[in-house]
Amino acid sequence: MDETKPWRLEIYSQDYTNDCDDIDVQMPALVYDVPHSDGSGQRRHLGPKGFAITLTNPSDRLRALVDGGYQVRVLKVAFGSETLRVPVLFHEEWVDRDGMRKIFGCMYSDPDRDPKWVTEPDSDEGQRPLTLATKEG
């Protein structure tokens, strides 16, 4: 694990670059499928991007961070001069069919900021409409 790598990995400003053989970083976007009004097809619209990382052949130090996705850790990945800092949860580790140990982590999503359905107080008409609310209002 001590060869020069084209990437760097830090967690809470500690260098973990040599604590695994390889990383696979993905930034998938949520995709919304919207049907055409005439039923002839659909359009796709991109939503927010996510983040996922898979670490191959992690050290015991990295393996110790896997906790089922409970603790948020600030991860920084750098490829050359390009860097990405993201809050990550390390969910699981496993051994694949080839015998390689791997760790999976993904971006933390703050449940307090996620959209939530709330029940509004009774209106004059006796109906209780539902409103989609976020922390911002």
C-alpha atoms as a PDB file:
ATOM      1  CA  MET A   1       0.000   0.000   0.000  1.00  0.00           C
ATOM      2  CA  ASP A   2       3.008   2.331  -0.111  1.00  0.00           C
ATOM      3  CA  GLU A   3       3.222   3.087  -3.868  1.00  0.00           C
ATOM      4  CA  THR A   4       2.604   6.583  -5.249  1.00  0.00           C
ATOM      5  CA  LYS A   5      -1.068   7.034  -6.089  1.00  0.00           C
ATOM      6  CA  PRO A   6      -2.769   9.518  -8.434  1.00  0.00           C
ATOM      7  CA  TRP A   7      -5.159  10.401  -5.599  1.00  0.00           C
ATOM      8  CA  ARG A   8      -5.039  11.410  -1.946  1.00  0.00           C
ATOM      9  CA  LEU A   9      -7.493  10.472   0.790  1.00  0.00           C
ATOM     10  CA  GLU A  10      -7.927  12.388   4.046  1.00  0.00           C
ATOM     11  CA  ILE A  11     -10.426  11.899   6.836  1.00  0.00           C
ATOM     12  CA  TYR A  12     -10.636  14.685   9.402  1.00  0.00           C
ATOM     13  CA  SER A  13      -7.370  16.071   7.980  1.00  0.00           C
ATOM     14  CA  GLN A  14      -5.484  12.810   8.628  1.00  0.00           C
ATOM     15  CA  ASP A  15      -3.828  11.233   5.608  1.00  0.00           C
ATOM     16  CA  TYR A  16      -5.256   7.795   4.702  1.00  0.00           C
ATOM     17  CA  THR A  17      -3.819   7.599   1.175  1.00  0.00           C
ATOM     18  CA  ASN A  18      -1.601   4.612   1.934  1.00  0.00           C
ATOM     19  CA  ASP A  19      -4.278   2.849   3.990  1.00  0.00           C
ATOM     20  CA  CYS A  20      -5.922   1.244   0.958  1.00  0.00           C
ATOM     21  CA  ASP A  21      -4.920   0.028  -2.500  1.00  0.00           C
ATOM     22  CA  ASP A  22      -7.557   1.854  -4.519  1.00  0.00           C
ATOM     23  CA  ILE A  23     -10.644   4.028  -4.305  1.00  0.00           C
ATOM     24  CA  ASP A  24     -13.716   4.203  -6.509  1.00  0.00           C
ATOM     25  CA  VAL A  25     -15.502   7.551  -6.253  1.00  0.00           C
ATOM     26  CA  GLN A  26     -18.958   8.021  -7.739  1.00  0.00           C
ATOM     27  CA  MET A  27     -21.207  11.066  -7.844  1.00  0.00           C
ATOM     28  CA  PRO A  28     -24.556   9.739  -9.053  1.00  0.00           C
ATOM     29  CA  ALA A  29     -27.387  12.181  -9.654  1.00  0.00           C
ATOM     30  CA  LEU A  30     -31.003  11.558  -8.830  1.00  0.00           C
ATOM     31  CA  VAL A  31     -32.919  11.198 -12.108  1.00  0.00           C
ATOM     32  CA  TYR A  32     -36.577  12.148 -12.497  1.00  0.00           C
ATOM     33  CA  ASP A  33     -38.548  10.532 -15.341  1.00  0.00           C
ATOM     34  CA  VAL A  34     -41.348  12.812 -16.567  1.00  0.00           C
ATOM     35  CA  PRO A  35     -43.778  11.293 -19.093  1.00  0.00           C
ATOM     36  CA  HIS A  36     -44.780  13.259 -22.209  1.00  0.00           C
ATOM     37  CA  SER A  37     -48.369  14.450 -22.053  1.00  0.00           C
ATOM     38  CA  ASP A  38     -49.260  12.406 -25.139  1.00  0.00           C
ATOM     39  CA  GLY A  39     -47.840   9.206 -23.612  1.00  0.00           C
ATOM     40  CA  SER A  40     -45.279   8.815 -26.417  1.00  0.00           C
ATOM     41  CA  GLY A  41     -42.228   8.791 -24.169  1.00  0.00           C
ATOM     42  CA  GLN A  42     -40.593  10.594 -21.324  1.00  0.00           C
ATOM     43  CA  ARG A  43     -38.036  13.229 -20.476  1.00  0.00           C
ATOM     44  CA  ARG A  44     -35.390  12.900 -17.809  1.00  0.00           C
ATOM     45  CA  HIS A  45     -34.356  15.661 -15.445  1.00  0.00           C
ATOM     46  CA  LEU A  46     -31.331  15.537 -13.158  1.00  0.00           C
ATOM     47  CA  GLY A  47     -31.787  16.164  -9.474  1.00  0.00           C
ATOM     48  CA  PRO A  48     -29.152  16.637  -6.780  1.00  0.00           C
ATOM     49  CA  LYS A  49     -25.840  14.804  -6.917  1.00  0.00           C
ATOM     50  CA  GLY A  50     -24.805  12.287  -4.340  1.00  0.00           C
ATOM     51  CA  PHE A  51     -21.455  10.817  -3.382  1.00  0.00           C
ATOM     52  CA  ALA A  52     -20.286   7.242  -2.824  1.00  0.00           C
ATOM     53  CA  ILE A  53     -16.845   5.778  -2.249  1.00  0.00           C
ATOM     54  CA  THR A  54     -15.551   2.212  -2.222  1.00  0.00           C
ATOM     55  CA  LEU A  55     -12.126   1.537  -0.701  1.00  0.00           C
ATOM     56  CA  THR A  56     -10.230  -1.583  -1.806  1.00  0.00           C
ATOM     57  CA  ASN A  57      -7.975  -3.543   0.565  1.00  0.00           C
ATOM     58  CA  PRO A  58      -8.370  -1.119   3.493  1.00  0.00           C
ATOM     59  CA  SER A  59      -6.040  -1.080   6.480  1.00  0.00           C
ATOM     60  CA  ASP A  60      -7.225  -1.887   9.983  1.00  0.00           C
ATOM     61  CA  ARG A  61      -7.213   1.867  10.650  1.00  0.00           C
ATOM     62  CA  LEU A  62      -9.760   2.416   7.846  1.00  0.00           C
ATOM     63  CA  ARG A  63     -11.755  -0.672   8.793  1.00  0.00           C
ATOM     64  CA  ALA A  64     -12.169   0.759  12.287  1.00  0.00           C
ATOM     65  CA  LEU A  65     -14.224   3.608  10.756  1.00  0.00           C
ATOM     66  CA  VAL A  66     -16.970   1.260   9.532  1.00  0.00           C
ATOM     67  CA  ASP A  67     -19.840   1.584  12.004  1.00  0.00           C
ATOM     68  CA  GLY A  68     -22.998   0.867  10.035  1.00  0.00           C
ATOM     69  CA  GLY A  69     -23.357   4.487   8.952  1.00  0.00           C
ATOM     70  CA  TYR A  70     -23.746   6.123  12.364  1.00  0.00           C
ATOM     71  CA  GLN A  71     -20.861   8.598  12.667  1.00  0.00           C
ATOM     72  CA  VAL A  72     -20.324  11.393  10.153  1.00  0.00           C
ATOM     73  CA  ARG A  73     -16.729  11.814   9.032  1.00  0.00           C
ATOM     74  CA  VAL A  74     -15.402  14.634   6.862  1.00  0.00           C
ATOM     75  CA  LEU A  75     -13.609  13.028   3.931  1.00  0.00           C
ATOM     76  CA  LYS A  76     -11.422  14.782   1.384  1.00  0.00           C
ATOM     77  CA  VAL A  77     -10.445  13.163  -1.893  1.00  0.00           C
ATOM     78  CA  ALA A  78      -7.924  14.805  -4.209  1.00  0.00           C
ATOM     79  CA  PHE A  79      -6.988  13.939  -7.777  1.00  0.00           C
ATOM     80  CA  GLY A  80      -4.105  16.215  -8.715  1.00  0.00           C
ATOM     81  CA  SER A  81      -5.136  19.771  -7.847  1.00  0.00           C
ATOM     82  CA  GLU A  82      -8.875  18.943  -7.814  1.00  0.00           C
ATOM     83  CA  THR A  83     -10.321  18.190  -4.382  1.00  0.00           C
ATOM     84  CA  LEU A  84     -13.697  17.244  -3.026  1.00  0.00           C
ATOM     85  CA  ARG A  85     -14.670  17.537   0.634  1.00  0.00           C
ATOM     86  CA  VAL A  86     -17.825  15.702   1.719  1.00  0.00           C
ATOM     87  CA  PRO A  87     -19.420  14.425   4.953  1.00  0.00           C
ATOM     88  CA  VAL A  88     -19.468  10.617   4.716  1.00  0.00           C
ATOM     89  CA  LEU A  89     -20.966   7.666   6.570  1.00  0.00           C
ATOM     90  CA  PHE A  90     -19.057   4.365   6.348  1.00  0.00           C
ATOM     91  CA  HIS A  91     -21.777   1.726   6.200  1.00  0.00           C
ATOM     92  CA  GLU A  92     -20.189  -1.668   5.618  1.00  0.00           C
ATOM     93  CA  GLU A  93     -17.234  -3.802   4.664  1.00  0.00           C
ATOM     94  CA  TRP A  94     -17.181  -7.107   2.817  1.00  0.00           C
ATOM     95  CA  VAL A  95     -14.939  -9.483   0.909  1.00  0.00           C
ATOM     96  CA  ASP A  96     -15.786  -9.779  -2.796  1.00  0.00           C
ATOM     97  CA  ARG A  97     -15.649 -12.935  -4.941  1.00  0.00           C
ATOM     98  CA  ASP A  98     -11.976 -12.302  -5.745  1.00  0.00           C
ATOM     99  CA  GLY A  99     -11.078 -12.224  -2.055  1.00  0.00           C
ATOM    100  CA  MET A 100     -10.586  -8.435  -1.927  1.00  0.00           C
ATOM    101  CA  ARG A 101     -11.823  -6.656   1.188  1.00  0.00           C
ATOM    102  CA  LYS A 102     -13.811  -3.477   0.496  1.00  0.00           C
ATOM    103  CA  ILE A 103     -15.485  -0.667   2.411  1.00  0.00           C
ATOM    104  CA  PHE A 104     -18.487   1.343   1.247  1.00  0.00           C
ATOM    105  CA  GLY A 105     -19.328   4.876   2.336  1.00  0.00           C
ATOM    106  CA  CYS A 106     -21.716   7.522   1.062  1.00  0.00           C
ATOM    107  CA  MET A 107     -22.632  11.145   1.598  1.00  0.00           C
ATOM    108  CA  TYR A 108     -24.370  12.047   4.830  1.00  0.00           C
ATOM    109  CA  SER A 109     -27.833  13.501   4.409  1.00  0.00           C
ATOM    110  CA  ASP A 110     -29.107  15.649   7.278  1.00  0.00           C
ATOM    111  CA  PRO A 111     -32.570  14.287   8.154  1.00  0.00           C
ATOM    112  CA  ASP A 112     -33.510  17.650   9.698  1.00  0.00           C
ATOM    113  CA  ARG A 113     -33.085  19.274   6.279  1.00  0.00           C
ATOM    114  CA  ASP A 114     -34.888  16.583   4.277  1.00  0.00           C
ATOM    115  CA  PRO A 115     -38.420  17.368   3.093  1.00  0.00           C
ATOM    116  CA  LYS A 116     -41.101  16.119   5.481  1.00  0.00           C
ATOM    117  CA  TRP A 117     -44.867  15.905   5.342  1.00  0.00           C
ATOM    118  CA  VAL A 118     -46.533  17.766   8.208  1.00  0.00           C
ATOM    119  CA  THR A 119     -50.175  18.070   9.195  1.00  0.00           C
ATOM    120  CA  GLU A 120     -51.410  21.645   9.268  1.00  0.00           C
ATOM    121  CA  PRO A 121     -53.975  22.860  11.791  1.00  0.00           C
ATOM    122  CA  ASP A 122     -57.643  22.504  10.866  1.00  0.00           C
ATOM    123  CA  SER A 123     -58.727  24.994   8.217  1.00  0.00           C
ATOM    124  CA  ASP A 124     -62.089  26.785   8.177  1.00  0.00           C
ATOM    125  CA  GLU A 125     -63.431  24.232   5.700  1.00  0.00           C
ATOM    126  CA  GLY A 126     -62.776  21.324   8.029  1.00  0.00           C
ATOM    127  CA  GLN A 127     -60.074  19.835   5.791  1.00  0.00           C
ATOM    128  CA  ARG A 128     -56.566  19.056   6.916  1.00  0.00           C
ATOM    129  CA  PRO A 129     -54.315  19.682   3.904  1.00  0.00           C
ATOM    130  CA  LEU A 130     -50.809  18.273   3.909  1.00  0.00           C
ATOM    131  CA  THR A 131     -47.882  20.585   3.256  1.00  0.00           C
ATOM    132  CA  LEU A 132     -44.356  19.641   2.284  1.00  0.00           C
ATOM    133  CA  ALA A 133     -42.003  21.490   4.643  1.00  0.00           C
ATOM    134  CA  THR A 134     -38.250  21.848   4.990  1.00  0.00           C
ATOM    135  CA  LYS A 135     -36.191  23.273   7.814  1.00  0.00           C
ATOM    136  CA  GLU A 136     -35.920  26.560   5.900  1.00  0.00           C
ATOM    137  CA  GLY A 137     -39.700  26.947   5.989  1.00  0.00           C
END
